[in-house]
PDB file of N, CA and C in Angstrom:
ATOM      1  N   MET A   1      -6.885  69.658  -3.532  1.00  0.00           N
ATOM      2  CA  MET A   1      -7.225  70.670  -2.823  1.00  0.00           C
ATOM      3  C   MET A   1      -7.142  71.957  -3.531  1.00  0.00           C
ATOM      4  N   LYS A   2      -5.940  72.178  -4.439  1.00  0.00           N
ATOM      5  CA  LYS A   2      -5.661  73.094  -5.201  1.00  0.00           C
ATOM      6  C   LYS A   2      -6.748  73.386  -6.284  1.00  0.00           C
ATOM      7  N   ASN A   3      -7.304  72.296  -6.674  1.00  0.00           N
ATOM      8  CA  ASN A   3      -8.288  72.678  -7.748  1.00  0.00           C
ATOM      9  C   ASN A   3      -9.351  73.314  -7.143  1.00  0.00           C
ATOM     10  N   ASN A   4     -10.199  72.996  -5.824  1.00  0.00           N
ATOM     11  CA  ASN A   4     -10.964  73.517  -5.136  1.00  0.00           C
ATOM     12  C   ASN A   4     -10.919  75.177  -4.857  1.00  0.00           C
ATOM     13  N   HIS A   5      -9.657  75.269  -4.468  1.00  0.00           N
ATOM     14  CA  HIS A   5      -9.331  76.955  -4.367  1.00  0.00           C
ATOM     15  C   HIS A   5      -9.531  77.674  -5.529  1.00  0.00           C
ATOM     16  N   ALA A   6      -8.733  77.037  -6.891  1.00  0.00           N
ATOM     17  CA  ALA A   6      -8.946  77.661  -8.038  1.00  0.00           C
ATOM     18  C   ALA A   6     -10.381  77.939  -8.397  1.00  0.00           C
ATOM     19  N   GLU A   7     -11.141  76.813  -8.205  1.00  0.00           N
ATOM     20  CA  GLU A   7     -12.755  76.727  -8.772  1.00  0.00           C
ATOM     21  C   GLU A   7     -13.155  77.891  -7.933  1.00  0.00           C
ATOM     22  N   HIS A   8     -12.910  78.033  -6.614  1.00  0.00           N
ATOM     23  CA  HIS A   8     -13.612  78.830  -5.868  1.00  0.00           C
ATOM     24  C   HIS A   8     -13.148  80.311  -5.936  1.00  0.00           C
ATOM     25  N   ALA A   9     -12.014  80.654  -6.291  1.00  0.00           N
ATOM     26  CA  ALA A   9     -11.551  81.897  -6.749  1.00  0.00           C
ATOM     27  C   ALA A   9     -11.979  82.420  -8.099  1.00  0.00           C
ATOM     28  N   LEU A  10     -12.330  81.146  -8.867  1.00  0.00           N
ATOM     29  CA  LEU A  10     -13.246  81.786 -10.232  1.00  0.00           C
ATOM     30  C   LEU A  10     -14.566  81.981  -9.931  1.00  0.00           C
ATOM     31  N   ALA A  11     -15.190  80.963  -9.176  1.00  0.00           N
ATOM     32  CA  ALA A  11     -16.644  81.439  -9.002  1.00  0.00           C
ATOM     33  C   ALA A  11     -16.670  82.831  -8.218  1.00  0.00           C
ATOM     34  N   ILE A  12     -15.703  83.293  -7.212  1.00  0.00           N
ATOM     35  CA  ILE A  12     -15.853  84.765  -6.783  1.00  0.00           C
ATOM     36  C   ILE A  12     -15.738  85.619  -7.430  1.00  0.00           C
ATOM     37  N   SER A  13     -14.687  85.658  -8.375  1.00  0.00           N
ATOM     38  CA  SER A  13     -14.678  86.484  -9.342  1.00  0.00           C
ATOM     39  C   SER A  13     -15.590  86.580 -10.318  1.00  0.00           C
ATOM     40  N   VAL A  14     -16.474  85.644 -10.786  1.00  0.00           N
ATOM     41  CA  VAL A  14     -17.573  85.878 -11.707  1.00  0.00           C
ATOM     42  C   VAL A  14     -18.566  86.451 -11.005  1.00  0.00           C
ATOM     43  N   TRP A  15     -18.880  85.968  -9.504  1.00  0.00           N
ATOM     44  CA  TRP A  15     -19.930  86.413  -8.820  1.00  0.00           C
ATOM     45  C   TRP A  15     -19.675  87.905  -8.604  1.00  0.00           C
ATOM     46  N   GLU A  16     -18.074  88.503  -8.528  1.00  0.00           N
ATOM     47  CA  GLU A  16     -18.190  89.881  -8.285  1.00  0.00           C
ATOM     48  C   GLU A  16     -18.359  90.757  -9.515  1.00  0.00           C
ATOM     49  N   SER A  17     -18.187  90.067 -10.573  1.00  0.00           N
ATOM     50  CA  SER A  17     -18.209  90.498 -12.056  1.00  0.00           C
ATOM     51  C   SER A  17     -20.105  90.813 -12.401  1.00  0.00           C
ATOM     52  N   GLU A  18     -20.600  89.904 -11.827  1.00  0.00           N
ATOM     53  CA  GLU A  18     -22.028  89.851 -12.108  1.00  0.00           C
ATOM     54  C   GLU A  18     -22.791  90.711 -10.910  1.00  0.00           C
ATOM     55  N   GLY A  19     -21.880  91.551 -10.156  1.00  0.00           N
ATOM     56  CA  GLY A  19     -22.486  92.451  -9.078  1.00  0.00           C
ATOM     57  C   GLY A  19     -22.232  92.244  -7.759  1.00  0.00           C
ATOM     58  N   GLY A  20     -21.754  90.986  -7.503  1.00  0.00           N
ATOM     59  CA  GLY A  20     -21.534  90.564  -5.956  1.00  0.00           C
ATOM     60  C   GLY A  20     -22.147  90.957  -4.928  1.00  0.00           C
ATOM     61  N   ALA A  21     -21.728  91.349  -3.669  1.00  0.00           N
ATOM     62  CA  ALA A  21     -22.496  91.652  -2.674  1.00  0.00           C
ATOM     63  C   ALA A  21     -22.460  93.470  -2.416  1.00  0.00           C
ATOM     64  N   PRO A  22     -23.623  93.804  -2.146  1.00  0.00           N
ATOM     65  CA  PRO A  22     -23.687  95.383  -2.186  1.00  0.00           C
ATOM     66  C   PRO A  22     -22.464  95.825  -1.260  1.00  0.00           C
ATOM     67  N   ASN A  23     -22.162  97.299  -1.326  1.00  0.00           N
ATOM     68  CA  ASN A  23     -20.983  97.499  -0.796  1.00  0.00           C
ATOM     69  C   ASN A  23     -21.593  97.916   0.725  1.00  0.00           C
ATOM     70  N   ARG A  24     -20.656  98.284   1.500  1.00  0.00           N
ATOM     71  CA  ARG A  24     -20.832  98.430   3.200  1.00  0.00           C
ATOM     72  C   ARG A  24     -21.394  99.656   3.409  1.00  0.00           C
ATOM     73  N   SER A  25     -21.901 100.639   2.251  1.00  0.00           N
ATOM     74  CA  SER A  25     -22.354 101.939   2.769  1.00  0.00           C
ATOM     75  C   SER A  25     -23.769 101.870   3.247  1.00  0.00           C
ATOM     76  N   GLY A  26     -24.392 100.601   3.613  1.00  0.00           N
ATOM     77  CA  GLY A  26     -25.881 100.470   4.114  1.00  0.00           C
ATOM     78  C   GLY A  26     -26.847 100.554   3.121  1.00  0.00           C
ATOM     79  N   ARG A  27     -26.477 100.748   1.761  1.00  0.00           N
ATOM     80  CA  ARG A  27     -27.399 100.994   0.735  1.00  0.00           C
ATOM     81  C   ARG A  27     -27.891  99.565   0.215  1.00  0.00           C
ATOM     82  N   LEU A  28     -29.191  99.538   0.338  1.00  0.00           N
ATOM     83  CA  LEU A  28     -29.638  98.419  -0.274  1.00  0.00           C
ATOM     84  C   LEU A  28     -29.962  98.232  -1.807  1.00  0.00           C
ATOM     85  N   TYR A  29     -29.231  97.295  -2.214  1.00  0.00           N
ATOM     86  CA  TYR A  29     -29.885  97.265  -3.822  1.00  0.00           C
ATOM     87  C   TYR A  29     -31.118  96.395  -4.173  1.00  0.00           C
ATOM     88  N   GLN A  30     -31.902  96.889  -4.833  1.00  0.00           N
ATOM     89  CA  GLN A  30     -32.971  96.005  -5.120  1.00  0.00           C
ATOM     90  C   GLN A  30     -33.029  95.478  -6.561  1.00  0.00           C
ATOM     91  N   TYR A  31     -31.862  95.607  -7.204  1.00  0.00           N
ATOM     92  CA  TYR A  31     -31.981  94.625  -8.685  1.00  0.00           C
ATOM     93  C   TYR A  31     -30.763  94.096  -8.599  1.00  0.00           C
ATOM     94  N   GLY A  32     -30.547  92.748  -9.145  1.00  0.00           N
ATOM     95  CA  GLY A  32     -29.454  92.000  -9.393  1.00  0.00           C
ATOM     96  C   GLY A  32     -29.210  91.663 -10.723  1.00  0.00           C
ATOM     97  N   ARG A  33     -28.328  90.690 -11.356  1.00  0.00           N
ATOM     98  CA  ARG A  33     -28.216  90.402 -12.700  1.00  0.00           C
ATOM     99  C   ARG A  33     -27.779  89.083 -12.697  1.00  0.00           C
ATOM    100  N   ARG A  34     -28.279  88.196 -13.456  1.00  0.00           N
ATOM    101  CA  ARG A  34     -28.188  86.749 -13.695  1.00  0.00           C
ATOM    102  C   ARG A  34     -27.640  86.508 -15.004  1.00  0.00           C
ATOM    103  N   VAL A  35     -27.072  85.375 -15.411  1.00  0.00           N
ATOM    104  CA  VAL A  35     -26.744  84.760 -16.615  1.00  0.00           C
ATOM    105  C   VAL A  35     -27.760  83.911 -16.828  1.00  0.00           C
ATOM    106  N   GLU A  36     -28.333  83.881 -17.950  1.00  0.00           N
ATOM    107  CA  GLU A  36     -29.115  82.702 -18.303  1.00  0.00           C
ATOM    108  C   GLU A  36     -28.580  81.619 -19.077  1.00  0.00           C
ATOM    109  N   ASN A  37     -29.413  80.571 -19.228  1.00  0.00           N
ATOM    110  CA  ASN A  37     -28.721  79.315 -20.112  1.00  0.00           C
ATOM    111  C   ASN A  37     -28.124  79.460 -21.432  1.00  0.00           C
ATOM    112  N   ASP A  38     -28.955  80.683 -22.146  1.00  0.00           N
ATOM    113  CA  ASP A  38     -28.651  80.964 -23.435  1.00  0.00           C
ATOM    114  C   ASP A  38     -27.283  82.192 -23.609  1.00  0.00           C
ATOM    115  N   ARG A  39     -26.616  82.368 -22.013  1.00  0.00           N
ATOM    116  CA  ARG A  39     -25.671  83.354 -21.981  1.00  0.00           C
ATOM    117  C   ARG A  39     -25.889  84.802 -21.981  1.00  0.00           C
ATOM    118  N   SER A  40     -27.113  85.160 -22.143  1.00  0.00           N
ATOM    119  CA  SER A  40     -27.643  86.486 -22.161  1.00  0.00           C
ATOM    120  C   SER A  40     -27.869  87.000 -20.717  1.00  0.00           C
ATOM    121  N   TYR A  41     -28.310  88.032 -20.160  1.00  0.00           N
ATOM    122  CA  TYR A  41     -28.410  88.401 -18.827  1.00  0.00           C
ATOM    123  C   TYR A  41     -29.938  88.758 -18.884  1.00  0.00           C
ATOM    124  N   THR A  42     -30.069  88.911 -17.416  1.00  0.00           N
ATOM    125  CA  THR A  42     -31.425  89.410 -16.999  1.00  0.00           C
ATOM    126  C   THR A  42     -31.090  90.184 -15.756  1.00  0.00           C
ATOM    127  N   ILE A  43     -31.858  91.416 -15.785  1.00  0.00           N
ATOM    128  CA  ILE A  43     -31.986  92.198 -14.655  1.00  0.00           C
ATOM    129  C   ILE A  43     -33.171  91.860 -13.782  1.00  0.00           C
ATOM    130  N   TYR A  44     -33.256  91.638 -12.368  1.00  0.00           N
ATOM    131  CA  TYR A  44     -34.101  90.888 -11.807  1.00  0.00           C
ATOM    132  C   TYR A  44     -34.244  91.740 -10.453  1.00  0.00           C
ATOM    133  N   HIS A  45     -35.707  91.957 -10.009  1.00  0.00           N
ATOM    134  CA  HIS A  45     -35.733  92.308  -8.654  1.00  0.00           C
ATOM    135  C   HIS A  45     -35.398  91.266  -7.509  1.00  0.00           C
ATOM    136  N   VAL A  46     -34.323  91.716  -6.760  1.00  0.00           N
ATOM    137  CA  VAL A  46     -33.762  90.751  -5.872  1.00  0.00           C
ATOM    138  C   VAL A  46     -34.796  90.026  -4.814  1.00  0.00           C
ATOM    139  N   PHE A  47     -36.057  90.917  -4.528  1.00  0.00           N
ATOM    140  CA  PHE A  47     -36.767  90.287  -3.524  1.00  0.00           C
ATOM    141  C   PHE A  47     -37.865  89.379  -4.158  1.00  0.00           C
ATOM    142  N   THR A  48     -38.369  89.725  -5.429  1.00  0.00           N
ATOM    143  CA  THR A  48     -39.376  88.951  -6.128  1.00  0.00           C
ATOM    144  C   THR A  48     -38.761  87.832  -7.009  1.00  0.00           C
ATOM    145  N   GLY A  49     -37.626  88.134  -7.562  1.00  0.00           N
ATOM    146  CA  GLY A  49     -36.950  87.266  -8.659  1.00  0.00           C
ATOM    147  C   GLY A  49     -37.650  87.559  -9.941  1.00  0.00           C
ATOM    148  N   GLU A  50     -38.547  88.462 -10.193  1.00  0.00           N
ATOM    149  CA  GLU A  50     -39.015  88.839 -11.287  1.00  0.00           C
ATOM    150  C   GLU A  50     -37.973  89.513 -12.110  1.00  0.00           C
ATOM    151  N   PRO A  51     -38.165  89.445 -13.713  1.00  0.00           N
ATOM    152  CA  PRO A  51     -37.523  90.489 -14.475  1.00  0.00           C
ATOM    153  C   PRO A  51     -37.755  91.905 -14.306  1.00  0.00           C
ATOM    154  N   ALA A  52     -36.976  92.670 -14.182  1.00  0.00           N
ATOM    155  CA  ALA A  52     -37.242  94.112 -14.030  1.00  0.00           C
ATOM    156  C   ALA A  52     -37.908  94.830 -15.306  1.00  0.00           C
ATOM    157  N   LYS A  53     -38.743  95.746 -15.019  1.00  0.00           N
ATOM    158  CA  LYS A  53     -39.291  96.549 -16.088  1.00  0.00           C
ATOM    159  C   LYS A  53     -39.044  97.780 -16.119  1.00  0.00           C
ATOM    160  N   VAL A  54     -38.775  98.276 -17.090  1.00  0.00           N
ATOM    161  CA  VAL A  54     -38.699 100.181 -17.438  1.00  0.00           C
ATOM    162  C   VAL A  54     -39.753 100.404 -18.425  1.00  0.00           C
ATOM    163  N   GLY A  55     -40.735 100.795 -17.982  1.00  0.00           N
ATOM    164  CA  GLY A  55     -41.860 101.318 -19.100  1.00  0.00           C
ATOM    165  C   GLY A  55     -42.309  99.899 -19.620  1.00  0.00           C
ATOM    166  N   SER A  56     -42.228  99.674 -20.869  1.00  0.00           N
ATOM    167  CA  SER A  56     -42.750  98.394 -21.379  1.00  0.00           C
ATOM    168  C   SER A  56     -41.751  97.581 -21.534  1.00  0.00           C
ATOM    169  N   TRP A  57     -40.557  97.952 -21.447  1.00  0.00           N
ATOM    170  CA  TRP A  57     -39.426  97.231 -21.662  1.00  0.00           C
ATOM    171  C   TRP A  57     -39.017  96.152 -20.299  1.00  0.00           C
ATOM    172  N   THR A  58     -39.075  94.920 -20.799  1.00  0.00           N
ATOM    173  CA  THR A  58     -38.595  93.795 -19.775  1.00  0.00           C
ATOM    174  C   THR A  58     -37.133  93.378 -19.898  1.00  0.00           C
ATOM    175  N   MET A  59     -36.447  93.763 -18.753  1.00  0.00           N
ATOM    176  CA  MET A  59     -34.981  93.690 -19.004  1.00  0.00           C
ATOM    177  C   MET A  59     -34.164  92.098 -18.898  1.00  0.00           C
ATOM    178  N   THR A  60     -34.546  91.591 -20.183  1.00  0.00           N
ATOM    179  CA  THR A  60     -34.281  89.995 -20.554  1.00  0.00           C
ATOM    180  C   THR A  60     -33.533  90.117 -21.755  1.00  0.00           C
ATOM    181  N   GLY A  61     -32.519  89.119 -22.032  1.00  0.00           N
ATOM    182  CA  GLY A  61     -31.946  89.021 -23.123  1.00  0.00           C
ATOM    183  C   GLY A  61     -30.684  89.981 -23.561  1.00  0.00           C
ATOM    184  N   LEU A  62     -30.272  90.536 -22.663  1.00  0.00           N
ATOM    185  CA  LEU A  62     -29.340  91.510 -22.390  1.00  0.00           C
ATOM    186  C   LEU A  62     -27.869  91.273 -22.644  1.00  0.00           C
ATOM    187  N   ASN A  63     -27.026  91.740 -23.375  1.00  0.00           N
ATOM    188  CA  ASN A  63     -25.675  91.345 -23.369  1.00  0.00           C
ATOM    189  C   ASN A  63     -25.084  91.932 -22.039  1.00  0.00           C
ATOM    190  N   LYS A  64     -23.585  91.580 -21.999  1.00  0.00           N
ATOM    191  CA  LYS A  64     -23.156  91.923 -20.380  1.00  0.00           C
ATOM    192  C   LYS A  64     -22.983  93.421 -20.315  1.00  0.00           C
ATOM    193  N   LYS A  65     -22.697  94.045 -21.438  1.00  0.00           N
ATOM    194  CA  LYS A  65     -22.296  95.583 -21.280  1.00  0.00           C
ATOM    195  C   LYS A  65     -23.641  96.170 -20.880  1.00  0.00           C
ATOM    196  N   ASN A  66     -24.918  95.768 -21.715  1.00  0.00           N
ATOM    197  CA  ASN A  66     -26.085  96.876 -21.241  1.00  0.00           C
ATOM    198  C   ASN A  66     -26.521  95.991 -19.988  1.00  0.00           C
ATOM    199  N   ALA A  67     -26.308  94.957 -19.537  1.00  0.00           N
ATOM    200  CA  ALA A  67     -26.840  94.722 -18.478  1.00  0.00           C
ATOM    201  C   ALA A  67     -26.231  95.166 -17.268  1.00  0.00           C
ATOM    202  N   ALA A  68     -24.800  95.502 -17.326  1.00  0.00           N
ATOM    203  CA  ALA A  68     -24.139  96.145 -16.436  1.00  0.00           C
ATOM    204  C   ALA A  68     -24.630  97.876 -16.274  1.00  0.00           C
ATOM    205  N   ARG A  69     -24.827  98.338 -17.431  1.00  0.00           N
ATOM    206  CA  ARG A  69     -25.424  99.843 -17.539  1.00  0.00           C
ATOM    207  C   ARG A  69     -26.654  99.744 -16.726  1.00  0.00           C
ATOM    208  N   ALA A  70     -27.485  98.754 -17.217  1.00  0.00           N
ATOM    209  CA  ALA A  70     -29.015  98.884 -16.673  1.00  0.00           C
ATOM    210  C   ALA A  70     -28.955  98.591 -15.159  1.00  0.00           C
ATOM    211  N   LEU A  71     -27.915  97.852 -14.626  1.00  0.00           N
ATOM    212  CA  LEU A  71     -28.036  97.475 -13.137  1.00  0.00           C
ATOM    213  C   LEU A  71     -27.635  98.378 -12.452  1.00  0.00           C
ATOM    214  N   HIS A  72     -26.600  99.330 -12.881  1.00  0.00           N
ATOM    215  CA  HIS A  72     -26.069 100.319 -12.308  1.00  0.00           C
ATOM    216  C   HIS A  72     -26.971 101.579 -12.260  1.00  0.00           C
ATOM    217  N   THR A  73     -27.755 101.690 -13.380  1.00  0.00           N
ATOM    218  CA  THR A  73     -28.730 102.930 -13.346  1.00  0.00           C
ATOM    219  C   THR A  73     -29.996 102.509 -12.417  1.00  0.00           C
ATOM    220  N   LEU A  74     -30.394 101.304 -12.696  1.00  0.00           N
ATOM    221  CA  LEU A  74     -31.580 100.779 -11.417  1.00  0.00           C
ATOM    222  C   LEU A  74     -31.070 100.963 -10.284  1.00  0.00           C
ATOM    223  N   ASN A  75     -29.749 100.574  -9.666  1.00  0.00           N
ATOM    224  CA  ASN A  75     -29.548 100.573  -8.347  1.00  0.00           C
ATOM    225  C   ASN A  75     -28.982 101.760  -7.787  1.00  0.00           C
ATOM    226  N   ARG A  76     -29.105 102.987  -8.647  1.00  0.00           N
ATOM    227  CA  ARG A  76     -28.794 104.325  -8.320  1.00  0.00           C
ATOM    228  C   ARG A  76     -29.773 105.051  -7.539  1.00  0.00           C
ATOM    229  N   HIS A  77     -29.650 105.632  -6.549  1.00  0.00           N
ATOM    230  CA  HIS A  77     -30.803 106.353  -5.565  1.00  0.00           C
ATOM    231  C   HIS A  77     -30.984 107.886  -6.028  1.00  0.00           C
TER     232      HIS A  77
END
């Protein structure tokens, strides 16, 4: 049982570092961040699942730091 609790705590920690749930301010986020099989990050539109685009740049293959910055920027109103 202890192992399950440790696994769940780790999963929640990872989930929160990936963006977690929106805060309770009532603000809806349109973009999320996911880790791909190659350990790169993709910023995606949460309603369509499609990778986000800014101009001609598709937000795939990002490192963790750039993905965090892009996610923050795109979700800022």
